[in-house]
Amino acid sequence: MRNPSFFSILFFVVALAFSSSRVVVCQILGQCRSGSALDSQVIVFATNFEYLEGEMFLWGALGRGMDSIDPTLARGGPPPIGAQRANLDPIVRNIIEEFGYEEIGQLKTLIQVSGGLGIQRPLLNLSKDVFSDLFDKAAGRRLSPPFDPYVDTIHFLLAVNLFPYLGYTGLVEAAPLLLFLESRKLAAKLLSAESGQSAVMRTLLYERANETVEPYNMTVAEFTNLTSTLANQLGKCGLKDEGVVVPRSLGAENRTETNVLATDAKSLSYNRTIQEILRILYGTGSERLPGAFFPNGANGSIARRFLRGGII
């Protein structure tokens, strides 16, 4: 936790009407403000994140992605780049496999409630090169050997920990701003699933907090602090991501260094806007400059509008 001073992508939002009704997705001024968007546009945008998480989890656990389970879900989109099976211990492999199936269920739900509207699976870069570049930025130096998320359990957890955390902080932003009761109910269910995944991953990392991440002579806790700092820098909307161990002055009620749940000074969850999420997932600090996990940018009218230099 920390005193006040930003993924979800994602506004896993669902509404009953997809006509001219609009939903306010952010009320923060300046570069942290989103404006408004059609319900259907927000739902379509959210599917980008389901593709990202689902492919990473399934490939990491099984060595195969969504196409091996339901090839129609890609809607003609390209397969991910560089994804592979990770060298996970049996317990974590089972957990990550479960998470992958959950992402498929959520993706199917979002497509269904949007009346079959959807996007092609965006081009996803899940190669170790992308992760090594981001971890170099986080560490402030070139790591040797390059960081490889697939080499073992600790590396994989450090690499994917960001995804569900971004997901649920985006839902925290979106849920109270929805116009329809059924939309809020579904958003709450999705938020619960995303926050649960995040809590499990952060707990697994906290259990290993003092272990050294070989061969970098840094602990798991130190790596979580570095990657959280990078996310905050890329998001450009304040400190909304934290490591699993913090100074007591930033802990819950200033009484603990344990930080399994990253929350603010009141022990409430952080929130992130679409712009913040894209800045982080693109790895560029700009919602208008794609890269990292989305080399061609995310799909859907909201993401594409940013790429054309517009706003929502």
C-alpha atoms as a PDB file:
ATOM      1  CA  MET A   1       0.000   0.000   0.000  1.00  0.00           C
ATOM      2  CA  ARG A   2       0.951   3.599  -0.300  1.00  0.00           C
ATOM      3  CA  ASN A   3      -0.314   7.081   0.265  1.00  0.00           C
ATOM      4  CA  PRO A   4      -2.330   8.679  -2.572  1.00  0.00           C
ATOM      5  CA  SER A   5      -0.227  11.196  -4.810  1.00  0.00           C
ATOM      6  CA  PHE A   6      -3.145   3.328 -12.484  1.00  0.00           C
ATOM      7  CA  PHE A   7      -5.060  -2.258 -16.746  1.00  0.00           C
ATOM      8  CA  SER A   8      -8.381  -2.763 -17.591  1.00  0.00           C
ATOM      9  CA  ILE A   9      -7.905  -3.064 -19.957  1.00  0.00           C
ATOM     10  CA  LEU A  10     -10.109  -3.371 -18.994  1.00  0.00           C
ATOM     11  CA  PHE A  11     -13.360  -2.283 -18.641  1.00  0.00           C
ATOM     12  CA  PHE A  12     -14.865  -5.679 -18.906  1.00  0.00           C
ATOM     13  CA  VAL A  13     -18.142  -3.926 -19.229  1.00  0.00           C
ATOM     14  CA  VAL A  14     -21.371  -5.192 -20.494  1.00  0.00           C
ATOM     15  CA  ALA A  15     -24.561  -3.284 -21.180  1.00  0.00           C
ATOM     16  CA  LEU A  16     -27.987  -4.309 -22.287  1.00  0.00           C
ATOM     17  CA  ALA A  17     -28.215  -1.672 -24.986  1.00  0.00           C
ATOM     18  CA  PHE A  18     -25.767  -1.012 -27.755  1.00  0.00           C
ATOM     19  CA  SER A  19     -27.418   1.878 -29.526  1.00  0.00           C
ATOM     20  CA  SER A  20     -26.644   5.514 -28.819  1.00  0.00           C
ATOM     21  CA  SER A  21     -26.267   5.113 -25.046  1.00  0.00           C
ATOM     22  CA  ARG A  22     -22.828   6.054 -23.817  1.00  0.00           C
ATOM     23  CA  VAL A  23     -20.878   5.184 -20.742  1.00  0.00           C
ATOM     24  CA  VAL A  24     -18.418   7.508 -19.032  1.00  0.00           C
ATOM     25  CA  VAL A  25     -15.197   5.557 -18.605  1.00  0.00           C
ATOM     26  CA  CYS A  26     -13.049   8.046 -16.774  1.00  0.00           C
ATOM     27  CA  GLN A  27     -13.490  11.301 -14.914  1.00  0.00           C
ATOM     28  CA  ILE A  28      -9.850  12.263 -14.376  1.00  0.00           C
ATOM     29  CA  LEU A  29      -8.536  15.393 -16.048  1.00  0.00           C
ATOM     30  CA  GLY A  30      -5.573  15.732 -18.379  1.00  0.00           C
ATOM     31  CA  GLN A  31      -3.705  12.703 -19.719  1.00  0.00           C
ATOM     32  CA  CYS A  32      -5.594  10.455 -17.288  1.00  0.00           C
ATOM     33  CA  ARG A  33      -9.038  11.268 -18.681  1.00  0.00           C
ATOM     34  CA  SER A  34     -10.930   9.034 -21.123  1.00  0.00           C
ATOM     35  CA  GLY A  35     -14.182  10.793 -21.975  1.00  0.00           C
ATOM     36  CA  SER A  36     -17.037   8.542 -23.107  1.00  0.00           C
ATOM     37  CA  ALA A  37     -17.594   5.512 -25.313  1.00  0.00           C
ATOM     38  CA  LEU A  38     -20.449   3.384 -26.558  1.00  0.00           C
ATOM     39  CA  ASP A  39     -21.129   0.334 -24.428  1.00  0.00           C
ATOM     40  CA  SER A  40     -20.455  -1.953 -27.379  1.00  0.00           C
ATOM     41  CA  GLN A  41     -17.114  -0.251 -28.060  1.00  0.00           C
ATOM     42  CA  VAL A  42     -15.951  -0.820 -24.491  1.00  0.00           C
ATOM     43  CA  ILE A  43     -16.921  -4.478 -24.586  1.00  0.00           C
ATOM     44  CA  VAL A  44     -15.084  -4.981 -27.872  1.00  0.00           C
ATOM     45  CA  PHE A  45     -12.018  -3.266 -26.464  1.00  0.00           C
ATOM     46  CA  ALA A  46     -12.052  -5.597 -23.457  1.00  0.00           C
ATOM     47  CA  THR A  47     -11.649  -8.648 -25.683  1.00  0.00           C
ATOM     48  CA  ASN A  48      -8.084  -7.546 -26.485  1.00  0.00           C
ATOM     49  CA  PHE A  49      -7.113  -8.330 -22.945  1.00  0.00           C
ATOM     50  CA  GLU A  50      -8.914 -11.680 -22.880  1.00  0.00           C
ATOM     51  CA  TYR A  51      -6.866 -12.711 -25.929  1.00  0.00           C
ATOM     52  CA  LEU A  52      -3.645 -11.558 -24.283  1.00  0.00           C
ATOM     53  CA  GLU A  53      -4.195 -13.352 -20.985  1.00  0.00           C
ATOM     54  CA  GLY A  54      -5.754 -16.466 -22.508  1.00  0.00           C
ATOM     55  CA  GLU A  55      -2.930 -17.036 -24.980  1.00  0.00           C
ATOM     56  CA  MET A  56      -0.182 -16.383 -22.430  1.00  0.00           C
ATOM     57  CA  PHE A  57      -1.697 -18.672 -19.806  1.00  0.00           C
ATOM     58  CA  LEU A  58      -2.551 -21.534 -22.167  1.00  0.00           C
ATOM     59  CA  TRP A  59       0.773 -21.468 -23.979  1.00  0.00           C
ATOM     60  CA  GLY A  60       2.661 -21.218 -20.693  1.00  0.00           C
ATOM     61  CA  ALA A  61       0.828 -24.163 -19.144  1.00  0.00           C
ATOM     62  CA  LEU A  62       0.136 -26.401 -22.151  1.00  0.00           C
ATOM     63  CA  GLY A  63       2.440 -25.316 -24.961  1.00  0.00           C
ATOM     64  CA  ARG A  64      -0.591 -24.560 -27.153  1.00  0.00           C
ATOM     65  CA  GLY A  65      -3.044 -21.704 -27.342  1.00  0.00           C
ATOM     66  CA  MET A  66      -6.675 -20.882 -27.951  1.00  0.00           C
ATOM     67  CA  ASP A  67      -6.673 -22.287 -31.484  1.00  0.00           C
ATOM     68  CA  SER A  68      -6.149 -25.784 -30.090  1.00  0.00           C
ATOM     69  CA  ILE A  69      -9.332 -25.449 -28.034  1.00  0.00           C
ATOM     70  CA  ASP A  70     -11.630 -23.327 -30.180  1.00  0.00           C
ATOM     71  CA  PRO A  71     -10.141 -21.929 -33.414  1.00  0.00           C
ATOM     72  CA  THR A  72     -13.250 -19.843 -34.097  1.00  0.00           C
ATOM     73  CA  LEU A  73     -12.445 -17.514 -31.187  1.00  0.00           C
ATOM     74  CA  ALA A  74      -9.583 -15.888 -33.118  1.00  0.00           C
ATOM     75  CA  ARG A  75     -12.113 -14.664 -35.726  1.00  0.00           C
ATOM     76  CA  GLY A  76      -9.403 -14.875 -38.365  1.00  0.00           C
ATOM     77  CA  GLY A  77      -6.739 -13.075 -36.359  1.00  0.00           C
ATOM     78  CA  PRO A  78      -3.080 -14.127 -36.490  1.00  0.00           C
ATOM     79  CA  PRO A  79      -1.527 -16.534 -33.974  1.00  0.00           C
ATOM     80  CA  PRO A  80       0.702 -15.045 -31.273  1.00  0.00           C
ATOM     81  CA  ILE A  81       4.418 -14.617 -31.830  1.00  0.00           C
ATOM     82  CA  GLY A  82       6.976 -16.441 -29.704  1.00  0.00           C
ATOM     83  CA  ALA A  83       4.662 -18.089 -27.180  1.00  0.00           C
ATOM     84  CA  GLN A  84       5.898 -21.367 -25.716  1.00  0.00           C
ATOM     85  CA  ARG A  85       5.447 -23.817 -22.883  1.00  0.00           C
ATOM     86  CA  ALA A  86       7.002 -22.671 -19.622  1.00  0.00           C
ATOM     87  CA  ASN A  87       8.988 -24.889 -17.268  1.00  0.00           C
ATOM     88  CA  LEU A  88       6.456 -24.636 -14.421  1.00  0.00           C
ATOM     89  CA  ASP A  89       6.187 -26.706 -11.286  1.00  0.00           C
ATOM     90  CA  PRO A  90       3.097 -28.987 -11.234  1.00  0.00           C
ATOM     91  CA  ILE A  91       0.986 -26.853  -8.859  1.00  0.00           C
ATOM     92  CA  VAL A  92       1.573 -23.583 -10.676  1.00  0.00           C
ATOM     93  CA  ARG A  93       1.059 -25.293 -14.039  1.00  0.00           C
ATOM     94  CA  ASN A  94      -2.395 -26.464 -12.925  1.00  0.00           C
ATOM     95  CA  ILE A  95      -3.265 -22.963 -11.690  1.00  0.00           C
ATOM     96  CA  ILE A  96      -2.134 -21.246 -14.896  1.00  0.00           C
ATOM     97  CA  GLU A  97      -3.989 -23.821 -17.017  1.00  0.00           C
ATOM     98  CA  GLU A  98      -7.171 -23.085 -15.062  1.00  0.00           C
ATOM     99  CA  PHE A  99      -6.681 -19.351 -15.582  1.00  0.00           C
ATOM    100  CA  GLY A 100      -6.342 -19.949 -19.341  1.00  0.00           C
ATOM    101  CA  TYR A 101      -9.663 -21.775 -19.503  1.00  0.00           C
ATOM    102  CA  GLU A 102     -11.264 -18.984 -17.481  1.00  0.00           C
ATOM    103  CA  GLU A 103     -10.106 -16.423 -20.049  1.00  0.00           C
ATOM    104  CA  ILE A 104     -11.747 -18.470 -22.803  1.00  0.00           C
ATOM    105  CA  GLY A 105     -15.020 -18.486 -20.880  1.00  0.00           C
ATOM    106  CA  GLN A 106     -14.858 -14.751 -20.325  1.00  0.00           C
ATOM    107  CA  LEU A 107     -14.046 -14.093 -23.975  1.00  0.00           C
ATOM    108  CA  LYS A 108     -17.033 -16.192 -25.086  1.00  0.00           C
ATOM    109  CA  THR A 109     -19.258 -14.280 -22.683  1.00  0.00           C
ATOM    110  CA  LEU A 110     -18.146 -10.870 -23.937  1.00  0.00           C
ATOM    111  CA  ILE A 111     -18.713 -11.912 -27.553  1.00  0.00           C
ATOM    112  CA  GLN A 112     -22.144 -13.320 -26.702  1.00  0.00           C
ATOM    113  CA  VAL A 113     -23.458 -10.353 -24.730  1.00  0.00           C
ATOM    114  CA  SER A 114     -22.285  -7.947 -27.425  1.00  0.00           C
ATOM    115  CA  GLY A 115     -24.588  -9.666 -29.858  1.00  0.00           C
ATOM    116  CA  GLY A 116     -21.754 -11.434 -31.625  1.00  0.00           C
ATOM    117  CA  LEU A 117     -19.806  -8.236 -32.143  1.00  0.00           C
ATOM    118  CA  GLY A 118     -16.104  -8.674 -31.772  1.00  0.00           C
ATOM    119  CA  ILE A 119     -12.667  -8.164 -33.189  1.00  0.00           C
ATOM    120  CA  GLN A 120     -10.064 -10.327 -34.791  1.00  0.00           C
ATOM    121  CA  ARG A 121      -7.484 -11.573 -32.355  1.00  0.00           C
ATOM    122  CA  PRO A 122      -4.827  -8.854 -32.460  1.00  0.00           C
ATOM    123  CA  LEU A 123      -1.252  -9.749 -33.251  1.00  0.00           C
ATOM    124  CA  LEU A 124       0.276 -10.593 -29.868  1.00  0.00           C
ATOM    125  CA  ASN A 125       4.000 -10.731 -29.226  1.00  0.00           C
ATOM    126  CA  LEU A 126       4.606 -13.118 -26.335  1.00  0.00           C
ATOM    127  CA  SER A 127       8.231 -13.796 -27.168  1.00  0.00           C
ATOM    128  CA  LYS A 128      10.907 -13.759 -24.527  1.00  0.00           C
ATOM    129  CA  ASP A 129      12.465 -10.794 -26.356  1.00  0.00           C
ATOM    130  CA  VAL A 130       9.516  -8.583 -25.397  1.00  0.00           C
ATOM    131  CA  PHE A 131       9.734  -9.595 -21.760  1.00  0.00           C
ATOM    132  CA  SER A 132      13.503  -9.208 -21.649  1.00  0.00           C
ATOM    133  CA  ASP A 133      13.219  -5.676 -23.055  1.00  0.00           C
ATOM    134  CA  LEU A 134      10.664  -4.717 -20.403  1.00  0.00           C
ATOM    135  CA  PHE A 135      12.685  -6.268 -17.589  1.00  0.00           C
ATOM    136  CA  ASP A 136      15.785  -4.435 -18.818  1.00  0.00           C
ATOM    137  CA  LYS A 137      13.822  -1.187 -18.592  1.00  0.00           C
ATOM    138  CA  ALA A 138      12.597  -2.099 -15.129  1.00  0.00           C
ATOM    139  CA  ALA A 139      16.097  -2.962 -13.898  1.00  0.00           C
ATOM    140  CA  GLY A 140      17.651   0.092 -15.522  1.00  0.00           C
ATOM    141  CA  ARG A 141      20.314  -2.056 -17.167  1.00  0.00           C
ATOM    142  CA  ARG A 142      20.719  -4.903 -19.644  1.00  0.00           C
ATOM    143  CA  LEU A 143      20.206  -8.151 -17.753  1.00  0.00           C
ATOM    144  CA  SER A 144      22.579 -10.974 -18.595  1.00  0.00           C
ATOM    145  CA  PRO A 145      21.411 -13.447 -19.637  1.00  0.00           C
ATOM    146  CA  PRO A 146      18.256 -11.801 -21.016  1.00  0.00           C
ATOM    147  CA  PHE A 147      15.176 -12.337 -18.847  1.00  0.00           C
ATOM    148  CA  ASP A 148      13.241 -15.406 -20.070  1.00  0.00           C
ATOM    149  CA  PRO A 149       9.676 -15.817 -18.719  1.00  0.00           C
ATOM    150  CA  TYR A 150       9.521 -19.434 -19.827  1.00  0.00           C
ATOM    151  CA  VAL A 151      12.628 -20.712 -18.048  1.00  0.00           C
ATOM    152  CA  ASP A 152      11.013 -21.559 -14.696  1.00  0.00           C
ATOM    153  CA  THR A 153       8.110 -20.876 -12.343  1.00  0.00           C
ATOM    154  CA  ILE A 154       9.524 -17.734 -10.720  1.00  0.00           C
ATOM    155  CA  HIS A 155      10.365 -16.082 -14.039  1.00  0.00           C
ATOM    156  CA  PHE A 156       6.896 -16.874 -15.408  1.00  0.00           C
ATOM    157  CA  LEU A 157       5.047 -15.523 -12.367  1.00  0.00           C
ATOM    158  CA  LEU A 158       7.104 -12.331 -12.418  1.00  0.00           C
ATOM    159  CA  ALA A 159       6.330 -11.902 -16.126  1.00  0.00           C
ATOM    160  CA  VAL A 160       2.551 -12.475 -16.089  1.00  0.00           C
ATOM    161  CA  ASN A 161       1.747 -10.983 -12.694  1.00  0.00           C
ATOM    162  CA  LEU A 162       0.989  -7.653 -14.367  1.00  0.00           C
ATOM    163  CA  PHE A 163      -1.824  -8.937 -16.594  1.00  0.00           C
ATOM    164  CA  PRO A 164      -4.635  -9.783 -14.122  1.00  0.00           C
ATOM    165  CA  TYR A 165      -3.687  -6.807 -11.963  1.00  0.00           C
ATOM    166  CA  LEU A 166      -4.187  -4.457 -14.909  1.00  0.00           C
ATOM    167  CA  GLY A 167      -7.433  -6.246 -15.685  1.00  0.00           C
ATOM    168  CA  TYR A 168      -9.064  -5.742 -12.356  1.00  0.00           C
ATOM    169  CA  THR A 169      -7.880  -2.176 -11.833  1.00  0.00           C
ATOM    170  CA  GLY A 170      -9.524  -1.335 -15.161  1.00  0.00           C
ATOM    171  CA  LEU A 171     -12.754  -2.892 -13.928  1.00  0.00           C
ATOM    172  CA  VAL A 172     -12.555  -0.884 -10.714  1.00  0.00           C
ATOM    173  CA  GLU A 173     -12.549   2.220 -12.921  1.00  0.00           C
ATOM    174  CA  ALA A 174     -15.379   1.071 -15.180  1.00  0.00           C
ATOM    175  CA  ALA A 175     -17.850  -0.717 -12.918  1.00  0.00           C
ATOM    176  CA  PRO A 176     -19.369   2.247 -11.030  1.00  0.00           C
ATOM    177  CA  LEU A 177     -19.744   4.241 -14.236  1.00  0.00           C
ATOM    178  CA  LEU A 178     -21.951   1.768 -16.074  1.00  0.00           C
ATOM    179  CA  LEU A 179     -25.505   2.779 -16.864  1.00  0.00           C
ATOM    180  CA  PHE A 180     -27.314  -0.533 -16.637  1.00  0.00           C
ATOM    181  CA  LEU A 181     -27.802  -2.838 -13.657  1.00  0.00           C
ATOM    182  CA  GLU A 182     -27.081  -5.987 -15.653  1.00  0.00           C
ATOM    183  CA  SER A 183     -23.890  -4.409 -16.935  1.00  0.00           C
ATOM    184  CA  ARG A 184     -22.737  -3.683 -13.402  1.00  0.00           C
ATOM    185  CA  LYS A 185     -23.553  -7.218 -12.312  1.00  0.00           C
ATOM    186  CA  LEU A 186     -21.445  -8.748 -15.065  1.00  0.00           C
ATOM    187  CA  ALA A 187     -18.640  -6.254 -14.502  1.00  0.00           C
ATOM    188  CA  ALA A 188     -18.626  -7.219 -10.809  1.00  0.00           C
ATOM    189  CA  LYS A 189     -18.376 -10.919 -11.711  1.00  0.00           C
ATOM    190  CA  LEU A 190     -15.504 -10.280 -14.100  1.00  0.00           C
ATOM    191  CA  LEU A 191     -13.773  -8.034 -11.578  1.00  0.00           C
ATOM    192  CA  SER A 192     -14.004 -10.784  -8.983  1.00  0.00           C
ATOM    193  CA  ALA A 193     -12.375 -13.300 -11.339  1.00  0.00           C
ATOM    194  CA  GLU A 194      -9.567 -10.935 -12.373  1.00  0.00           C
ATOM    195  CA  SER A 195      -8.834  -9.814  -8.819  1.00  0.00           C
ATOM    196  CA  GLY A 196      -8.801 -13.455  -7.716  1.00  0.00           C
ATOM    197  CA  GLN A 197      -6.210 -14.337 -10.343  1.00  0.00           C
ATOM    198  CA  SER A 198      -4.115 -11.356  -9.309  1.00  0.00           C
ATOM    199  CA  ALA A 199      -4.306 -12.260  -5.621  1.00  0.00           C
ATOM    200  CA  VAL A 200      -3.241 -15.853  -6.320  1.00  0.00           C
ATOM    201  CA  MET A 201      -0.243 -14.733  -8.372  1.00  0.00           C
ATOM    202  CA  ARG A 202       0.836 -12.154  -5.820  1.00  0.00           C
ATOM    203  CA  THR A 203       0.504 -14.738  -3.044  1.00  0.00           C
ATOM    204  CA  LEU A 204       2.699 -17.175  -4.979  1.00  0.00           C
ATOM    205  CA  LEU A 205       5.252 -14.407  -5.460  1.00  0.00           C
ATOM    206  CA  TYR A 206       5.097 -13.376  -1.796  1.00  0.00           C
ATOM    207  CA  GLU A 207       5.795 -16.974  -0.744  1.00  0.00           C
ATOM    208  CA  ARG A 208       9.020 -16.662  -2.739  1.00  0.00           C
ATOM    209  CA  ALA A 209       9.705 -13.005  -1.839  1.00  0.00           C
ATOM    210  CA  ASN A 210      13.161 -13.613  -0.368  1.00  0.00           C
ATOM    211  CA  GLU A 211      14.291 -16.122  -3.001  1.00  0.00           C
ATOM    212  CA  THR A 212      17.025 -14.967  -5.356  1.00  0.00           C
ATOM    213  CA  VAL A 213      16.064 -14.824  -9.016  1.00  0.00           C
ATOM    214  CA  GLU A 214      18.997 -16.519 -10.676  1.00  0.00           C
ATOM    215  CA  PRO A 215      21.343 -15.377 -12.019  1.00  0.00           C
ATOM    216  CA  TYR A 216      20.565 -11.720 -11.360  1.00  0.00           C
ATOM    217  CA  ASN A 217      21.382 -11.480  -7.663  1.00  0.00           C
ATOM    218  CA  MET A 218      17.996  -9.841  -6.977  1.00  0.00           C
ATOM    219  CA  THR A 219      15.138 -11.218  -4.935  1.00  0.00           C
ATOM    220  CA  VAL A 220      11.590 -11.829  -6.097  1.00  0.00           C
ATOM    221  CA  ALA A 221      10.425  -8.922  -3.925  1.00  0.00           C
ATOM    222  CA  GLU A 222      12.974  -6.593  -5.500  1.00  0.00           C
ATOM    223  CA  PHE A 223      11.863  -7.604  -9.008  1.00  0.00           C
ATOM    224  CA  THR A 224       8.195  -6.945  -8.164  1.00  0.00           C
ATOM    225  CA  ASN A 225       9.122  -3.471  -6.965  1.00  0.00           C
ATOM    226  CA  LEU A 226      11.070  -2.763 -10.157  1.00  0.00           C
ATOM    227  CA  THR A 227       8.306  -3.943 -12.500  1.00  0.00           C
ATOM    228  CA  SER A 228       5.676  -2.050 -10.506  1.00  0.00           C
ATOM    229  CA  THR A 229       7.729   1.121 -10.770  1.00  0.00           C
ATOM    230  CA  LEU A 230       8.014   0.635 -14.539  1.00  0.00           C
ATOM    231  CA  ALA A 231       4.230   0.174 -14.857  1.00  0.00           C
ATOM    232  CA  ASN A 232       3.663   3.388 -12.945  1.00  0.00           C
ATOM    233  CA  GLN A 233       6.142   5.259 -15.132  1.00  0.00           C
ATOM    234  CA  LEU A 234       4.545   3.988 -18.352  1.00  0.00           C
ATOM    235  CA  GLY A 235       1.018   4.633 -17.097  1.00  0.00           C
ATOM    236  CA  LYS A 236       1.809   8.272 -16.326  1.00  0.00           C
ATOM    237  CA  CYS A 237      -1.057   8.634 -13.875  1.00  0.00           C
ATOM    238  CA  GLY A 238       0.591   8.182 -10.507  1.00  0.00           C
ATOM    239  CA  LEU A 239       1.652   5.247  -8.387  1.00  0.00           C
ATOM    240  CA  LYS A 240      -0.972   2.531  -8.748  1.00  0.00           C
ATOM    241  CA  ASP A 241       1.145  -0.615  -8.820  1.00  0.00           C
ATOM    242  CA  GLU A 242       3.266  -1.954  -5.971  1.00  0.00           C
ATOM    243  CA  GLY A 243       5.562  -4.839  -5.160  1.00  0.00           C
ATOM    244  CA  VAL A 244       4.708  -7.645  -2.753  1.00  0.00           C
ATOM    245  CA  VAL A 245       6.867  -6.192   0.041  1.00  0.00           C
ATOM    246  CA  VAL A 246       6.808  -2.497   0.992  1.00  0.00           C
ATOM    247  CA  PRO A 247       8.182  -0.352   3.835  1.00  0.00           C
ATOM    248  CA  ARG A 248       6.022  -0.481   6.947  1.00  0.00           C
ATOM    249  CA  SER A 249       5.168   3.189   6.415  1.00  0.00           C
ATOM    250  CA  LEU A 250       3.331   2.155   3.236  1.00  0.00           C
ATOM    251  CA  GLY A 251       1.776  -1.035   4.581  1.00  0.00           C
ATOM    252  CA  ALA A 252      -1.810  -1.532   5.728  1.00  0.00           C
ATOM    253  CA  GLU A 253      -2.421   0.867   8.612  1.00  0.00           C
ATOM    254  CA  ASN A 254       1.364   1.358   8.656  1.00  0.00           C
ATOM    255  CA  ARG A 255       1.636  -1.945  10.538  1.00  0.00           C
ATOM    256  CA  THR A 256       2.967  -4.419   7.991  1.00  0.00           C
ATOM    257  CA  GLU A 257       5.494  -4.817   5.198  1.00  0.00           C
ATOM    258  CA  THR A 258       3.446  -7.574   3.586  1.00  0.00           C
ATOM    259  CA  ASN A 259       1.697  -6.311   0.456  1.00  0.00           C
ATOM    260  CA  VAL A 260      -0.070  -9.257  -1.144  1.00  0.00           C
ATOM    261  CA  LEU A 261      -2.913  -6.917  -2.133  1.00  0.00           C
ATOM    262  CA  ALA A 262      -1.763  -3.648  -3.671  1.00  0.00           C
ATOM    263  CA  THR A 263      -4.108  -0.989  -2.300  1.00  0.00           C
ATOM    264  CA  ASP A 264      -4.044   2.693  -1.438  1.00  0.00           C
ATOM    265  CA  ALA A 265      -3.688   4.384   1.944  1.00  0.00           C
ATOM    266  CA  LYS A 266      -7.310   3.477   2.776  1.00  0.00           C
ATOM    267  CA  SER A 267      -6.770  -0.159   1.710  1.00  0.00           C
ATOM    268  CA  LEU A 268      -8.948   0.401  -1.362  1.00  0.00           C
ATOM    269  CA  SER A 269      -8.107  -0.828  -4.854  1.00  0.00           C
ATOM    270  CA  TYR A 270      -6.484   1.380  -7.451  1.00  0.00           C
ATOM    271  CA  ASN A 271      -8.105   2.124 -10.807  1.00  0.00           C
ATOM    272  CA  ARG A 272      -6.713   2.524 -14.321  1.00  0.00           C
ATOM    273  CA  THR A 273      -8.094   4.004 -17.554  1.00  0.00           C
ATOM    274  CA  ILE A 274      -7.906   2.603 -21.060  1.00  0.00           C
ATOM    275  CA  GLN A 275      -5.115   5.028 -21.916  1.00  0.00           C
ATOM    276  CA  GLU A 276      -3.026   3.929 -18.961  1.00  0.00           C
ATOM    277  CA  ILE A 277      -3.505   0.277 -19.824  1.00  0.00           C
ATOM    278  CA  LEU A 278      -2.445   0.783 -23.431  1.00  0.00           C
ATOM    279  CA  ARG A 279       0.603   2.811 -22.401  1.00  0.00           C
ATOM    280  CA  ILE A 280       1.745  -0.089 -20.244  1.00  0.00           C
ATOM    281  CA  LEU A 281       0.902  -2.955 -22.604  1.00  0.00           C
ATOM    282  CA  TYR A 282       2.469  -1.137 -25.555  1.00  0.00           C
ATOM    283  CA  GLY A 283       5.575  -0.568 -23.422  1.00  0.00           C
ATOM    284  CA  THR A 284       5.942   2.901 -24.934  1.00  0.00           C
ATOM    285  CA  GLY A 285       4.193   5.132 -22.427  1.00  0.00           C
ATOM    286  CA  SER A 286       1.830   6.259 -25.201  1.00  0.00           C
ATOM    287  CA  GLU A 287      -1.603   4.945 -26.189  1.00  0.00           C
ATOM    288  CA  ARG A 288      -0.794   6.217 -29.707  1.00  0.00           C
ATOM    289  CA  LEU A 289       2.459   4.274 -30.157  1.00  0.00           C
ATOM    290  CA  PRO A 290       2.050   0.467 -30.237  1.00  0.00           C
ATOM    291  CA  GLY A 291       4.733  -2.014 -29.296  1.00  0.00           C
ATOM    292  CA  ALA A 292       5.625  -4.755 -26.820  1.00  0.00           C
ATOM    293  CA  PHE A 293       2.671  -7.165 -26.471  1.00  0.00           C
ATOM    294  CA  PHE A 294       0.656  -5.418 -29.219  1.00  0.00           C
ATOM    295  CA  PRO A 295       3.179  -4.641 -32.009  1.00  0.00           C
ATOM    296  CA  ASN A 296       0.394  -3.521 -34.380  1.00  0.00           C
ATOM    297  CA  GLY A 297      -1.764  -2.043 -31.649  1.00  0.00           C
ATOM    298  CA  ALA A 298      -4.902  -3.348 -29.970  1.00  0.00           C
ATOM    299  CA  ASN A 299      -8.071  -3.831 -32.060  1.00  0.00           C
ATOM    300  CA  GLY A 300     -11.464  -2.172 -31.859  1.00  0.00           C
ATOM    301  CA  SER A 301     -12.631   1.379 -32.482  1.00  0.00           C
ATOM    302  CA  ILE A 302     -11.335   2.806 -29.193  1.00  0.00           C
ATOM    303  CA  ALA A 303      -7.762   1.559 -29.615  1.00  0.00           C
ATOM    304  CA  ARG A 304      -7.717   2.435 -33.309  1.00  0.00           C
ATOM    305  CA  ARG A 305      -8.931   5.940 -32.593  1.00  0.00           C
ATOM    306  CA  PHE A 306      -5.933   6.494 -30.349  1.00  0.00           C
ATOM    307  CA  LEU A 307      -3.624   5.212 -33.085  1.00  0.00           C
ATOM    308  CA  ARG A 308      -5.110   7.809 -35.423  1.00  0.00           C
ATOM    309  CA  GLY A 309      -4.331  10.501 -32.887  1.00  0.00           C
ATOM    310  CA  GLY A 310      -7.865  10.914 -31.580  1.00  0.00           C
ATOM    311  CA  ILE A 311      -9.403  10.687 -28.122  1.00  0.00           C
ATOM    312  CA  ILE A 312     -12.485   9.029 -26.693  1.00  0.00           C
END
